[in-house]
Amino acid sequence: MGTQLNDRISVGAVFTGGAPAPAWFVWNGRRYTVTAVTMRWRTAEGSATVLHLGVTDGTNLFELTLNQQTLVWQLRSVDGGGGNG
């Protein structure tokens, strides 16, 4: 089971057809390069739609979210060998 978080992150994303595809993100001062988006789904948090993205850097699996009302990115979970170190 992965580590559950709610850490605010900075994300560099490319928007293709209106959908964001993260290219990289910074978490705890470290930059992670996204090599693939593995999943996409949406949930509601109050009146906001939240886009969830499963991504990998080739070692770890991350769940990133984008609150489409506030435009805040968060790292929700990480699972894998590299962690934050």
Protein backbone atom coordinates (compact mmCIF):
# COMPACT_ATOMS: atom_id res chain seq x y z
CA MET A 1 0.00 0.00 0.00
CA GLY A 2 1.29 3.44 -0.87
CA THR A 3 1.84 6.42 1.37
CA GLN A 4 -1.19 8.72 1.51
CA LEU A 5 -0.42 12.45 1.30
CA ASN A 6 -2.05 15.78 0.55
CA ASP A 7 1.06 17.74 -0.38
CA ARG A 8 0.76 20.79 -2.62
CA ILE A 9 3.14 20.51 -5.59
CA SER A 10 4.31 22.45 -8.63
CA VAL A 11 3.54 20.77 -11.96
CA GLY A 12 4.66 21.35 -15.53
CA ALA A 13 1.91 20.05 -17.80
CA VAL A 14 1.05 19.98 -21.49
CA PHE A 15 -2.61 20.42 -22.35
CA THR A 16 -3.73 18.27 -25.27
CA GLY A 17 -7.38 18.51 -26.26
CA GLY A 18 -8.10 20.32 -22.99
CA ALA A 19 -6.74 17.52 -20.79
CA PRO A 20 -3.53 18.06 -18.78
CA ALA A 21 -0.66 15.64 -19.20
CA PRO A 22 1.96 16.28 -16.49
CA ALA A 23 5.54 16.31 -17.79
CA TRP A 24 7.19 16.86 -14.40
CA PHE A 25 6.42 17.89 -10.82
CA VAL A 26 8.39 19.13 -7.81
CA TRP A 27 7.81 17.51 -4.44
CA ASN A 28 9.91 18.23 -1.34
CA GLY A 29 12.45 20.14 -3.43
CA ARG A 30 13.01 17.28 -5.86
CA ARG A 31 11.92 17.29 -9.50
CA TYR A 32 10.31 14.11 -10.85
CA THR A 33 9.99 13.49 -14.59
CA VAL A 34 6.71 11.84 -15.56
CA THR A 35 7.33 9.03 -18.05
CA ALA A 36 3.69 7.92 -18.37
CA VAL A 37 0.16 8.72 -17.30
CA THR A 38 -1.33 5.38 -16.24
CA MET A 39 -4.86 6.36 -15.19
CA ARG A 40 -7.32 9.27 -15.21
CA TRP A 41 -10.53 9.74 -13.24
CA ARG A 42 -12.64 12.52 -11.76
CA THR A 43 -14.29 13.05 -8.39
CA ALA A 44 -16.29 15.84 -6.81
CA GLU A 45 -15.11 17.70 -3.71
CA GLY A 46 -17.92 20.04 -2.78
CA SER A 47 -18.69 22.09 -5.88
CA ALA A 48 -15.27 21.43 -7.42
CA THR A 49 -14.37 18.74 -9.92
CA VAL A 50 -11.03 17.11 -9.09
CA LEU A 51 -9.02 15.41 -11.82
CA HIS A 52 -6.95 12.45 -10.55
CA LEU A 53 -3.95 11.26 -12.55
CA GLY A 54 -1.97 8.11 -11.92
CA VAL A 55 1.57 8.81 -13.16
CA THR A 56 4.96 7.13 -13.00
CA ASP A 57 8.56 8.26 -13.18
CA GLY A 58 9.63 4.73 -14.13
CA THR A 59 10.29 3.76 -10.49
CA ASN A 60 7.39 5.11 -8.43
CA LEU A 61 3.65 5.40 -8.92
CA PHE A 62 2.07 8.70 -7.91
CA GLU A 63 -1.46 9.99 -7.69
CA LEU A 64 -1.61 13.66 -8.64
CA THR A 65 -4.78 15.74 -8.43
CA LEU A 66 -5.83 18.99 -10.02
CA ASN A 67 -8.72 20.87 -8.40
CA GLN A 68 -10.32 22.35 -11.49
CA GLN A 69 -11.95 25.16 -9.49
CA THR A 70 -8.88 26.40 -7.58
CA LEU A 71 -6.26 25.07 -10.07
CA VAL A 72 -4.25 23.64 -7.15
CA TRP A 73 -2.16 20.53 -7.81
CA GLN A 74 -1.57 18.02 -5.01
CA LEU A 75 0.36 14.80 -4.59
CA ARG A 76 -2.15 12.44 -2.97
CA SER A 77 -0.11 9.23 -2.79
CA VAL A 78 3.20 7.63 -3.72
CA ASP A 79 4.00 3.94 -4.04
CA GLY A 80 7.36 2.51 -5.07
CA GLY A 81 11.03 2.13 -4.41
CA GLY A 82 12.20 5.72 -4.72
CA GLY A 83 9.84 7.56 -2.38
CA ASN A 84 10.86 11.13 -1.65
CA GLY A 85 14.51 10.48 -1.25
